[in-house]
Amino acid sequence: MEPIHEVDIFRYFAGEIKSVQSTTRPNVLPQYRFEDNVYSHFFFENGKMGTIITSYTHSAVPLDKKEWSNTPEYKDSMGHDMTMILTFTRASIGVDFIKCRMMINIYEEWPKGSGGFRVVQDRIESYKRGGNQGNFFHDIDIMRWEFIHRCANDQPPVQDPLDIWKSHMVCLAAEQSVQEDFRRVDVDYTLPKDLRDDK
């Protein structure tokens, strides 16, 4: 149900997640064996908060007319929307993983002298490096070769197994929240006894 890669990014930027609360409704696509629309709140140990909205039914995303064409330049983005917004004290960054671009916003006082703020778009930056933009989010050859390279050179994995365990426990807590009438669930990072050093 939960996109574990986004949970990884959350933990990378904001630290450990203390609890999760998820809501959903009966599936729009009944053939799916998992919830096809989920709204999850993540509460971090340091007081920060994150939200992930997962939808497998919101397909018509591109708004620009040419992006509806089935040309090689745009066909990989058809029906996909993968974005993340990082909100800070005085600014925010919106990242579009499909189009490989970032929108940087700043907060300015508005109205002047009121102590209130409004969001103002500062700039849009591209981090596309050339080639097919779809490779950024669909192609996993780089990860496969990295795995083979590390095995061949007796190097540790990119991600520590304990770190992988923690991200999985966050996702399981989110699923538990859905199954238990959307209650807030604490994340249990306790390793099984046969995996602990003190066994």
N, C-alpha and C. Protein backbone atom coordinates (compact mmCIF):
# COMPACT_ATOMS: atom_id res chain seq x y z
N MET A 1 0.82 -1.20 0.00
CA MET A 1 0.00 0.00 0.00
C MET A 1 0.86 1.25 0.00
N GLU A 2 1.79 1.39 0.97
CA GLU A 2 2.61 2.60 1.05
C GLU A 2 3.78 2.53 0.09
N PRO A 3 4.11 3.61 -0.59
CA PRO A 3 5.30 3.64 -1.46
C PRO A 3 6.56 3.72 -0.61
N ILE A 4 7.24 2.63 -0.50
CA ILE A 4 8.37 2.53 0.44
C ILE A 4 9.51 3.46 0.05
N HIS A 5 9.67 3.76 -1.23
CA HIS A 5 10.76 4.64 -1.64
C HIS A 5 10.55 6.06 -1.11
N GLU A 6 9.30 6.50 -1.11
CA GLU A 6 9.01 7.82 -0.54
C GLU A 6 9.24 7.83 0.97
N VAL A 7 8.94 6.71 1.64
CA VAL A 7 9.22 6.60 3.07
C VAL A 7 10.72 6.68 3.31
N ASP A 8 11.51 6.04 2.44
CA ASP A 8 12.97 6.16 2.54
C ASP A 8 13.41 7.62 2.46
N ILE A 9 12.84 8.36 1.50
CA ILE A 9 13.20 9.78 1.34
C ILE A 9 12.79 10.57 2.58
N PHE A 10 11.60 10.29 3.11
CA PHE A 10 11.15 10.96 4.34
C PHE A 10 12.16 10.76 5.45
N ARG A 11 12.56 9.52 5.66
CA ARG A 11 13.48 9.21 6.76
C ARG A 11 14.85 9.82 6.53
N TYR A 12 15.26 9.90 5.27
CA TYR A 12 16.55 10.50 4.94
C TYR A 12 16.58 11.98 5.30
N PHE A 13 15.50 12.69 4.98
CA PHE A 13 15.45 14.13 5.20
C PHE A 13 15.05 14.51 6.63
N ALA A 14 14.14 13.76 7.23
CA ALA A 14 13.54 14.22 8.49
C ALA A 14 13.77 13.30 9.69
N GLY A 15 14.45 12.19 9.53
CA GLY A 15 14.72 11.32 10.67
C GLY A 15 13.68 10.23 10.84
N GLU A 16 13.70 9.60 12.01
CA GLU A 16 12.84 8.45 12.24
C GLU A 16 11.37 8.85 12.43
N ILE A 17 10.51 7.98 11.95
CA ILE A 17 9.06 8.19 12.04
C ILE A 17 8.55 7.48 13.29
N LYS A 18 7.84 8.21 14.12
CA LYS A 18 7.34 7.67 15.38
C LYS A 18 6.00 6.95 15.21
N SER A 19 5.09 7.52 14.42
CA SER A 19 3.77 6.91 14.26
C SER A 19 3.17 7.30 12.91
N VAL A 20 2.15 6.55 12.51
CA VAL A 20 1.50 6.75 11.21
C VAL A 20 -0.01 6.66 11.38
N GLN A 21 -0.73 7.46 10.62
CA GLN A 21 -2.19 7.34 10.58
C GLN A 21 -2.62 7.41 9.12
N SER A 22 -3.34 6.38 8.67
CA SER A 22 -3.75 6.28 7.27
C SER A 22 -5.26 6.15 7.15
N THR A 23 -5.80 6.72 6.08
CA THR A 23 -7.22 6.56 5.78
C THR A 23 -7.38 6.12 4.34
N THR A 24 -8.46 5.41 4.06
CA THR A 24 -8.77 4.96 2.71
C THR A 24 -10.26 4.70 2.63
N ARG A 25 -10.72 4.35 1.46
CA ARG A 25 -12.11 4.02 1.24
C ARG A 25 -12.19 2.80 0.34
N PRO A 26 -13.38 2.23 0.12
CA PRO A 26 -13.47 1.08 -0.79
C PRO A 26 -12.84 1.40 -2.14
N ASN A 27 -12.20 0.42 -2.74
CA ASN A 27 -11.47 0.62 -3.97
C ASN A 27 -12.33 1.09 -5.13
N VAL A 28 -11.75 2.00 -5.91
CA VAL A 28 -12.36 2.40 -7.18
C VAL A 28 -12.15 1.28 -8.21
N LEU A 29 -10.97 0.66 -8.16
CA LEU A 29 -10.64 -0.46 -9.04
C LEU A 29 -10.73 -1.75 -8.23
N PRO A 30 -11.85 -2.45 -8.29
CA PRO A 30 -12.09 -3.60 -7.41
C PRO A 30 -11.14 -4.76 -7.63
N GLN A 31 -10.49 -4.83 -8.80
CA GLN A 31 -9.59 -5.96 -9.06
C GLN A 31 -8.27 -5.84 -8.30
N TYR A 32 -7.97 -4.66 -7.76
CA TYR A 32 -6.72 -4.48 -7.02
C TYR A 32 -6.79 -5.22 -5.69
N ARG A 33 -5.69 -5.84 -5.30
CA ARG A 33 -5.63 -6.57 -4.04
C ARG A 33 -5.14 -5.69 -2.91
N PHE A 34 -4.95 -4.41 -3.18
CA PHE A 34 -4.52 -3.46 -2.16
C PHE A 34 -5.32 -2.18 -2.35
N GLU A 35 -5.29 -1.30 -1.34
CA GLU A 35 -6.04 -0.05 -1.39
C GLU A 35 -5.52 0.82 -2.53
N ASP A 36 -6.42 1.32 -3.38
CA ASP A 36 -5.95 2.09 -4.54
C ASP A 36 -5.96 3.60 -4.31
N ASN A 37 -6.44 4.06 -3.18
CA ASN A 37 -6.35 5.48 -2.81
C ASN A 37 -6.14 5.57 -1.30
N VAL A 38 -4.99 6.07 -0.91
CA VAL A 38 -4.62 6.11 0.51
C VAL A 38 -4.04 7.48 0.86
N TYR A 39 -4.42 7.99 2.02
CA TYR A 39 -3.91 9.26 2.53
C TYR A 39 -3.26 8.98 3.87
N SER A 40 -1.94 9.19 3.98
CA SER A 40 -1.21 8.82 5.20
C SER A 40 -0.47 10.01 5.79
N HIS A 41 -0.57 10.14 7.13
CA HIS A 41 0.18 11.15 7.88
C HIS A 41 1.30 10.45 8.63
N PHE A 42 2.50 11.02 8.57
CA PHE A 42 3.66 10.46 9.24
C PHE A 42 4.14 11.46 10.30
N PHE A 43 4.24 10.99 11.53
CA PHE A 43 4.65 11.84 12.64
C PHE A 43 6.07 11.43 13.06
N PHE A 44 7.00 12.38 12.97
CA PHE A 44 8.41 12.10 13.22
C PHE A 44 8.76 12.31 14.69
N GLU A 45 9.83 11.64 15.12
CA GLU A 45 10.27 11.74 16.51
C GLU A 45 10.68 13.17 16.86
N ASN A 46 11.15 13.94 15.88
CA ASN A 46 11.60 15.31 16.14
C ASN A 46 10.48 16.34 16.01
N GLY A 47 9.23 15.88 15.86
CA GLY A 47 8.10 16.79 15.78
C GLY A 47 7.69 17.18 14.37
N LYS A 48 8.48 16.82 13.38
CA LYS A 48 8.11 17.12 11.99
C LYS A 48 6.95 16.22 11.55
N MET A 49 6.37 16.56 10.40
CA MET A 49 5.24 15.78 9.89
C MET A 49 5.34 15.68 8.39
N GLY A 50 4.92 14.54 7.85
CA GLY A 50 4.90 14.34 6.40
C GLY A 50 3.60 13.69 5.98
N THR A 51 3.23 13.87 4.73
CA THR A 51 2.00 13.29 4.19
C THR A 51 2.30 12.66 2.84
N ILE A 52 1.77 11.47 2.62
CA ILE A 52 1.86 10.82 1.32
C ILE A 52 0.45 10.53 0.84
N ILE A 53 0.14 10.98 -0.37
CA ILE A 53 -1.13 10.67 -1.01
C ILE A 53 -0.83 9.69 -2.13
N THR A 54 -1.37 8.49 -2.03
CA THR A 54 -1.14 7.46 -3.03
C THR A 54 -2.43 7.19 -3.77
N SER A 55 -2.40 7.35 -5.09
CA SER A 55 -3.60 7.08 -5.90
C SER A 55 -3.22 6.35 -7.17
N TYR A 56 -3.89 5.22 -7.40
CA TYR A 56 -3.69 4.47 -8.63
C TYR A 56 -4.85 4.70 -9.61
N THR A 57 -5.70 5.65 -9.30
CA THR A 57 -6.87 5.89 -10.15
C THR A 57 -6.88 7.29 -10.77
N HIS A 58 -5.95 8.15 -10.36
CA HIS A 58 -5.88 9.51 -10.91
C HIS A 58 -4.86 9.49 -12.04
N SER A 59 -5.32 9.24 -13.26
CA SER A 59 -4.38 8.97 -14.36
C SER A 59 -4.12 10.16 -15.27
N ALA A 60 -5.12 10.99 -15.53
CA ALA A 60 -4.96 12.07 -16.50
C ALA A 60 -4.30 13.28 -15.86
N VAL A 61 -2.98 13.23 -15.71
CA VAL A 61 -2.26 14.26 -14.98
C VAL A 61 -1.79 15.43 -15.84
N PRO A 62 -1.11 15.20 -17.00
CA PRO A 62 -0.55 16.33 -17.75
C PRO A 62 -1.62 17.34 -18.17
N LEU A 63 -1.31 18.61 -18.02
CA LEU A 63 -2.25 19.68 -18.37
C LEU A 63 -1.87 20.36 -19.68
N ASP A 64 -0.61 20.31 -20.04
CA ASP A 64 -0.15 20.93 -21.28
C ASP A 64 -0.61 20.07 -22.45
N LYS A 65 -1.23 20.68 -23.45
CA LYS A 65 -1.82 19.94 -24.58
C LYS A 65 -0.81 19.02 -25.26
N LYS A 66 0.40 19.52 -25.48
CA LYS A 66 1.38 18.70 -26.20
C LYS A 66 1.81 17.49 -25.38
N GLU A 67 1.66 17.56 -24.06
CA GLU A 67 2.04 16.43 -23.22
C GLU A 67 1.04 15.28 -23.32
N TRP A 68 -0.07 15.51 -24.00
CA TRP A 68 -1.04 14.43 -24.22
C TRP A 68 -0.69 13.64 -25.47
N SER A 69 0.29 14.11 -26.23
CA SER A 69 0.65 13.40 -27.46
C SER A 69 1.48 12.18 -27.13
N ASN A 70 1.46 11.21 -28.03
CA ASN A 70 2.16 9.95 -27.79
C ASN A 70 3.53 9.96 -28.47
N THR A 71 4.20 11.10 -28.40
CA THR A 71 5.53 11.21 -28.98
C THR A 71 6.56 10.68 -27.98
N PRO A 72 7.74 10.25 -28.48
CA PRO A 72 8.75 9.69 -27.57
C PRO A 72 9.11 10.63 -26.43
N GLU A 73 9.04 11.94 -26.68
CA GLU A 73 9.44 12.91 -25.65
C GLU A 73 8.49 12.90 -24.46
N TYR A 74 7.20 12.60 -24.71
CA TYR A 74 6.22 12.74 -23.65
C TYR A 74 5.52 11.43 -23.25
N LYS A 75 5.62 10.38 -24.06
CA LYS A 75 4.80 9.20 -23.80
C LYS A 75 5.11 8.55 -22.45
N ASP A 76 6.34 8.67 -21.95
CA ASP A 76 6.69 8.03 -20.68
C ASP A 76 6.05 8.73 -19.49
N SER A 77 5.61 9.98 -19.67
CA SER A 77 4.99 10.69 -18.55
C SER A 77 3.47 10.56 -18.57
N MET A 78 2.91 9.94 -19.60
CA MET A 78 1.46 9.85 -19.70
C MET A 78 0.89 9.05 -18.53
N GLY A 79 -0.05 9.66 -17.82
CA GLY A 79 -0.72 8.96 -16.75
C GLY A 79 0.07 8.84 -15.47
N HIS A 80 1.23 9.47 -15.38
CA HIS A 80 2.04 9.37 -14.18
C HIS A 80 2.17 10.73 -13.50
N ASP A 81 2.18 10.70 -12.19
CA ASP A 81 2.41 11.91 -11.41
C ASP A 81 3.20 11.50 -10.18
N MET A 82 4.43 11.94 -10.10
CA MET A 82 5.27 11.59 -8.96
C MET A 82 5.97 12.85 -8.49
N THR A 83 5.40 13.49 -7.48
CA THR A 83 5.94 14.76 -7.00
C THR A 83 6.13 14.72 -5.49
N MET A 84 6.99 15.59 -5.02
CA MET A 84 7.22 15.74 -3.58
C MET A 84 7.37 17.22 -3.28
N ILE A 85 6.75 17.67 -2.19
CA ILE A 85 6.87 19.05 -1.76
C ILE A 85 7.53 19.08 -0.39
N LEU A 86 8.62 19.80 -0.28
CA LEU A 86 9.33 19.99 0.99
C LEU A 86 9.00 21.38 1.49
N THR A 87 8.38 21.46 2.66
CA THR A 87 7.96 22.74 3.22
C THR A 87 8.86 23.11 4.39
N PHE A 88 9.50 24.26 4.31
CA PHE A 88 10.41 24.73 5.33
C PHE A 88 9.82 25.96 6.03
N THR A 89 10.57 26.57 6.92
CA THR A 89 10.08 27.71 7.67
C THR A 89 9.86 28.93 6.79
N ARG A 90 10.77 29.19 5.84
CA ARG A 90 10.66 30.39 5.01
C ARG A 90 10.65 30.09 3.51
N ALA A 91 10.52 28.83 3.13
CA ALA A 91 10.54 28.48 1.70
C ALA A 91 9.99 27.08 1.51
N SER A 92 9.74 26.72 0.25
CA SER A 92 9.33 25.36 -0.07
C SER A 92 9.90 24.98 -1.43
N ILE A 93 10.08 23.67 -1.64
CA ILE A 93 10.59 23.16 -2.90
C ILE A 93 9.64 22.07 -3.39
N GLY A 94 9.16 22.21 -4.61
CA GLY A 94 8.35 21.17 -5.24
C GLY A 94 9.20 20.43 -6.25
N VAL A 95 9.28 19.12 -6.14
CA VAL A 95 10.09 18.31 -7.04
C VAL A 95 9.18 17.45 -7.91
N ASP A 96 9.34 17.54 -9.21
CA ASP A 96 8.61 16.70 -10.16
C ASP A 96 9.57 15.63 -10.67
N PHE A 97 9.39 14.40 -10.20
CA PHE A 97 10.32 13.33 -10.54
C PHE A 97 10.14 12.84 -11.98
N ILE A 98 8.96 13.08 -12.57
CA ILE A 98 8.72 12.65 -13.94
C ILE A 98 9.39 13.60 -14.94
N LYS A 99 9.23 14.89 -14.74
CA LYS A 99 9.79 15.88 -15.66
C LYS A 99 11.16 16.39 -15.24
N CYS A 100 11.67 15.86 -14.13
CA CYS A 100 13.01 16.21 -13.65
C CYS A 100 13.18 17.72 -13.49
N ARG A 101 12.29 18.33 -12.71
CA ARG A 101 12.40 19.77 -12.48
C ARG A 101 11.97 20.09 -11.05
N MET A 102 12.41 21.25 -10.59
CA MET A 102 12.10 21.71 -9.24
C MET A 102 11.55 23.12 -9.29
N MET A 103 10.54 23.37 -8.47
CA MET A 103 10.02 24.73 -8.31
C MET A 103 10.44 25.21 -6.92
N ILE A 104 11.14 26.31 -6.87
CA ILE A 104 11.59 26.88 -5.59
C ILE A 104 10.68 28.07 -5.27
N ASN A 105 10.05 28.01 -4.11
CA ASN A 105 9.17 29.08 -3.65
C ASN A 105 9.75 29.72 -2.40
N ILE A 106 9.49 31.00 -2.23
CA ILE A 106 9.90 31.68 -1.00
C ILE A 106 8.66 32.29 -0.36
N TYR A 107 8.73 32.53 0.95
CA TYR A 107 7.63 33.16 1.66
C TYR A 107 8.00 34.61 1.93
N GLU A 108 7.14 35.52 1.53
CA GLU A 108 7.38 36.93 1.81
C GLU A 108 6.24 37.48 2.66
N GLU A 109 6.56 38.48 3.47
CA GLU A 109 5.54 39.06 4.35
C GLU A 109 4.43 39.70 3.52
N TRP A 110 3.20 39.37 3.87
CA TRP A 110 2.05 39.91 3.15
C TRP A 110 0.81 39.87 4.03
N PRO A 111 0.04 40.95 4.11
CA PRO A 111 0.41 42.31 3.67
C PRO A 111 1.58 42.85 4.50
N LYS A 112 2.28 43.80 3.97
CA LYS A 112 3.45 44.36 4.64
C LYS A 112 3.08 44.84 6.04
N GLY A 113 3.90 44.47 7.00
CA GLY A 113 3.68 44.89 8.37
C GLY A 113 2.67 44.06 9.14
N SER A 114 2.06 43.06 8.49
CA SER A 114 1.02 42.27 9.16
C SER A 114 1.57 41.08 9.94
N GLY A 115 2.78 40.66 9.60
CA GLY A 115 3.32 39.45 10.22
C GLY A 115 2.86 38.18 9.50
N GLY A 116 1.99 38.34 8.49
CA GLY A 116 1.54 37.19 7.70
C GLY A 116 2.46 36.98 6.50
N PHE A 117 2.31 35.84 5.84
CA PHE A 117 3.17 35.52 4.71
C PHE A 117 2.36 34.97 3.55
N ARG A 118 2.92 35.08 2.35
CA ARG A 118 2.34 34.44 1.17
C ARG A 118 3.45 33.70 0.43
N VAL A 119 3.08 32.72 -0.38
CA VAL A 119 4.04 31.94 -1.15
C VAL A 119 4.27 32.62 -2.49
N VAL A 120 5.53 32.82 -2.84
CA VAL A 120 5.89 33.45 -4.10
C VAL A 120 6.85 32.53 -4.85
N GLN A 121 6.53 32.24 -6.12
CA GLN A 121 7.42 31.40 -6.91
C GLN A 121 8.70 32.16 -7.23
N ASP A 122 9.83 31.57 -6.86
CA ASP A 122 11.13 32.19 -7.09
C ASP A 122 11.71 31.78 -8.43
N ARG A 123 11.76 30.48 -8.70
CA ARG A 123 12.32 30.00 -9.97
C ARG A 123 11.99 28.52 -10.17
N ILE A 124 12.16 28.07 -11.40
CA ILE A 124 12.03 26.65 -11.74
C ILE A 124 13.36 26.20 -12.32
N GLU A 125 13.89 25.10 -11.81
CA GLU A 125 15.17 24.58 -12.27
C GLU A 125 14.98 23.16 -12.80
N SER A 126 15.74 22.82 -13.83
CA SER A 126 15.71 21.48 -14.40
C SER A 126 16.96 20.73 -13.94
N TYR A 127 16.79 19.47 -13.60
CA TYR A 127 17.96 18.66 -13.29
C TYR A 127 18.03 17.46 -14.23
N LYS A 128 17.42 17.60 -15.41
CA LYS A 128 17.48 16.57 -16.44
C LYS A 128 18.89 16.54 -17.01
N ARG A 129 19.46 15.36 -17.13
CA ARG A 129 20.84 15.22 -17.57
C ARG A 129 20.95 14.75 -19.02
N GLY A 130 19.85 14.77 -19.76
CA GLY A 130 19.88 14.28 -21.13
C GLY A 130 19.35 12.87 -21.21
N GLY A 131 19.06 12.42 -22.43
CA GLY A 131 18.52 11.08 -22.60
C GLY A 131 17.04 11.04 -22.30
N ASN A 132 16.51 9.86 -22.18
CA ASN A 132 15.08 9.67 -21.93
C ASN A 132 14.76 9.99 -20.48
N GLN A 133 13.88 10.95 -20.25
CA GLN A 133 13.56 11.32 -18.87
C GLN A 133 12.90 10.17 -18.13
N GLY A 134 12.28 9.23 -18.87
CA GLY A 134 11.65 8.09 -18.22
C GLY A 134 12.65 7.20 -17.50
N ASN A 135 13.93 7.25 -17.94
CA ASN A 135 14.94 6.43 -17.28
C ASN A 135 15.09 6.78 -15.81
N PHE A 136 14.78 8.03 -15.48
CA PHE A 136 14.97 8.48 -14.10
C PHE A 136 14.09 7.71 -13.12
N PHE A 137 12.88 7.37 -13.54
CA PHE A 137 11.97 6.74 -12.59
C PHE A 137 11.54 5.33 -12.98
N HIS A 138 11.91 4.84 -14.20
CA HIS A 138 11.52 3.50 -14.60
C HIS A 138 12.69 2.54 -14.75
N ASP A 139 13.84 3.03 -15.16
CA ASP A 139 14.97 2.18 -15.48
C ASP A 139 15.75 1.84 -14.21
N ILE A 140 15.92 0.55 -13.93
CA ILE A 140 16.64 0.16 -12.71
C ILE A 140 17.98 -0.51 -13.04
N ASP A 141 18.45 -0.36 -14.29
CA ASP A 141 19.72 -0.97 -14.67
C ASP A 141 20.87 -0.48 -13.81
N ILE A 142 20.87 0.82 -13.48
CA ILE A 142 21.95 1.37 -12.66
C ILE A 142 22.01 0.67 -11.31
N MET A 143 20.84 0.44 -10.71
CA MET A 143 20.81 -0.23 -9.41
C MET A 143 21.28 -1.68 -9.52
N ARG A 144 20.89 -2.35 -10.60
CA ARG A 144 21.32 -3.74 -10.80
C ARG A 144 22.84 -3.83 -10.93
N TRP A 145 23.42 -2.95 -11.75
CA TRP A 145 24.85 -2.96 -11.94
C TRP A 145 25.59 -2.57 -10.66
N GLU A 146 25.02 -1.66 -9.90
CA GLU A 146 25.62 -1.28 -8.62
C GLU A 146 25.65 -2.48 -7.68
N PHE A 147 24.54 -3.23 -7.65
CA PHE A 147 24.46 -4.43 -6.81
C PHE A 147 25.52 -5.46 -7.23
N ILE A 148 25.63 -5.72 -8.54
CA ILE A 148 26.62 -6.68 -9.05
C ILE A 148 28.03 -6.21 -8.73
N HIS A 149 28.29 -4.92 -8.95
CA HIS A 149 29.62 -4.35 -8.68
C HIS A 149 30.00 -4.53 -7.21
N ARG A 150 29.06 -4.28 -6.31
CA ARG A 150 29.35 -4.39 -4.88
C ARG A 150 29.56 -5.84 -4.46
N CYS A 151 28.80 -6.75 -5.04
CA CYS A 151 29.01 -8.17 -4.75
C CYS A 151 30.38 -8.63 -5.24
N ALA A 152 30.75 -8.23 -6.45
CA ALA A 152 32.01 -8.66 -7.05
C ALA A 152 33.22 -8.09 -6.31
N ASN A 153 33.05 -6.92 -5.69
CA ASN A 153 34.16 -6.27 -5.00
C ASN A 153 34.07 -6.37 -3.49
N ASP A 154 33.20 -7.27 -3.01
CA ASP A 154 33.05 -7.52 -1.58
C ASP A 154 32.80 -6.23 -0.80
N GLN A 155 31.89 -5.39 -1.35
CA GLN A 155 31.53 -4.14 -0.70
C GLN A 155 30.16 -4.26 -0.05
N PRO A 156 29.91 -3.47 0.99
CA PRO A 156 28.59 -3.53 1.65
C PRO A 156 27.50 -2.97 0.75
N PRO A 157 26.26 -3.32 1.00
CA PRO A 157 25.16 -2.79 0.19
C PRO A 157 25.01 -1.28 0.37
N VAL A 158 24.38 -0.63 -0.59
CA VAL A 158 24.15 0.81 -0.51
C VAL A 158 23.31 1.14 0.71
N GLN A 159 22.27 0.35 0.94
CA GLN A 159 21.39 0.58 2.07
C GLN A 159 21.58 -0.52 3.11
N ASP A 160 21.79 -0.10 4.34
CA ASP A 160 21.99 -1.03 5.43
C ASP A 160 20.72 -1.85 5.66
N PRO A 161 20.84 -3.18 5.90
CA PRO A 161 19.65 -4.02 6.14
C PRO A 161 18.76 -3.51 7.27
N LEU A 162 19.34 -2.94 8.32
CA LEU A 162 18.55 -2.40 9.41
C LEU A 162 17.74 -1.20 8.94
N ASP A 163 18.31 -0.39 8.05
CA ASP A 163 17.60 0.75 7.50
C ASP A 163 16.41 0.28 6.66
N ILE A 164 16.61 -0.77 5.88
CA ILE A 164 15.53 -1.35 5.08
C ILE A 164 14.42 -1.85 6.00
N TRP A 165 14.80 -2.51 7.09
CA TRP A 165 13.83 -3.00 8.07
C TRP A 165 12.96 -1.87 8.60
N LYS A 166 13.59 -0.76 8.92
CA LYS A 166 12.85 0.37 9.50
C LYS A 166 11.82 0.93 8.52
N SER A 167 12.20 1.08 7.26
CA SER A 167 11.24 1.58 6.27
C SER A 167 10.07 0.62 6.10
N HIS A 168 10.35 -0.68 6.13
CA HIS A 168 9.28 -1.67 6.05
C HIS A 168 8.35 -1.58 7.25
N MET A 169 8.91 -1.35 8.43
CA MET A 169 8.07 -1.27 9.64
C MET A 169 7.14 -0.04 9.58
N VAL A 170 7.62 1.04 8.97
CA VAL A 170 6.77 2.22 8.80
C VAL A 170 5.60 1.89 7.89
N CYS A 171 5.87 1.21 6.77
CA CYS A 171 4.81 0.85 5.83
C CYS A 171 3.82 -0.12 6.46
N LEU A 172 4.30 -1.06 7.25
CA LEU A 172 3.40 -2.01 7.92
C LEU A 172 2.53 -1.30 8.95
N ALA A 173 3.08 -0.30 9.62
CA ALA A 173 2.28 0.48 10.57
C ALA A 173 1.18 1.25 9.84
N ALA A 174 1.49 1.76 8.64
CA ALA A 174 0.48 2.47 7.84
C ALA A 174 -0.64 1.53 7.44
N GLU A 175 -0.30 0.31 7.05
CA GLU A 175 -1.32 -0.67 6.68
C GLU A 175 -2.15 -1.07 7.90
N GLN A 176 -1.48 -1.22 9.04
CA GLN A 176 -2.20 -1.55 10.27
C GLN A 176 -3.21 -0.47 10.63
N SER A 177 -2.84 0.78 10.41
CA SER A 177 -3.75 1.90 10.69
C SER A 177 -5.03 1.78 9.87
N VAL A 178 -4.89 1.43 8.59
CA VAL A 178 -6.07 1.25 7.73
C VAL A 178 -6.93 0.10 8.24
N GLN A 179 -6.28 -0.99 8.62
CA GLN A 179 -7.02 -2.19 9.05
C GLN A 179 -7.70 -2.01 10.40
N GLU A 180 -7.24 -1.04 11.18
CA GLU A 180 -7.79 -0.83 12.52
C GLU A 180 -8.54 0.50 12.59
N ASP A 181 -9.42 0.72 11.60
CA ASP A 181 -10.31 1.89 11.59
C ASP A 181 -9.56 3.21 11.61
N PHE A 182 -8.42 3.27 10.94
CA PHE A 182 -7.67 4.51 10.71
C PHE A 182 -7.09 5.12 11.99
N ARG A 183 -6.85 4.30 13.00
CA ARG A 183 -6.26 4.84 14.22
C ARG A 183 -4.78 5.13 14.00
N ARG A 184 -4.23 6.00 14.82
CA ARG A 184 -2.80 6.32 14.76
C ARG A 184 -2.00 5.17 15.38
N VAL A 185 -1.02 4.65 14.64
CA VAL A 185 -0.27 3.47 15.07
C VAL A 185 1.20 3.83 15.27
N ASP A 186 1.75 3.47 16.43
CA ASP A 186 3.17 3.66 16.69
C ASP A 186 3.98 2.66 15.86
N VAL A 187 5.11 3.11 15.33
CA VAL A 187 5.98 2.22 14.55
C VAL A 187 6.85 1.41 15.51
N ASP A 188 6.81 0.10 15.38
CA ASP A 188 7.60 -0.79 16.23
C ASP A 188 8.85 -1.21 15.46
N TYR A 189 10.00 -0.66 15.85
CA TYR A 189 11.26 -0.98 15.17
C TYR A 189 11.99 -2.16 15.82
N THR A 190 11.35 -2.85 16.76
CA THR A 190 11.99 -3.95 17.46
C THR A 190 12.30 -5.09 16.51
N LEU A 191 13.56 -5.51 16.46
CA LEU A 191 13.95 -6.63 15.61
C LEU A 191 13.46 -7.95 16.23
N PRO A 192 13.11 -8.93 15.40
CA PRO A 192 12.79 -10.26 15.94
C PRO A 192 13.97 -10.80 16.72
N LYS A 193 13.68 -11.60 17.72
CA LYS A 193 14.74 -12.09 18.62
C LYS A 193 15.86 -12.79 17.88
N ASP A 194 15.55 -13.55 16.84
CA ASP A 194 16.60 -14.30 16.14
C ASP A 194 17.50 -13.41 15.28
N LEU A 195 17.17 -12.12 15.15
CA LEU A 195 18.00 -11.19 14.39
C LEU A 195 18.75 -10.21 15.28
N ARG A 196 18.46 -10.23 16.58
CA ARG A 196 19.09 -9.26 17.49
C ARG A 196 20.48 -9.76 17.93
N ASP A 197 21.36 -8.82 18.25
CA ASP A 197 22.70 -9.16 18.73
C ASP A 197 22.66 -9.78 20.11
N ASP A 198 21.59 -9.46 20.88
CA ASP A 198 21.52 -9.93 22.27
C ASP A 198 20.76 -11.25 22.39
N LYS A 199 20.53 -11.98 21.30
CA LYS A 199 19.73 -13.22 21.35
C LYS A 199 20.46 -14.29 22.15
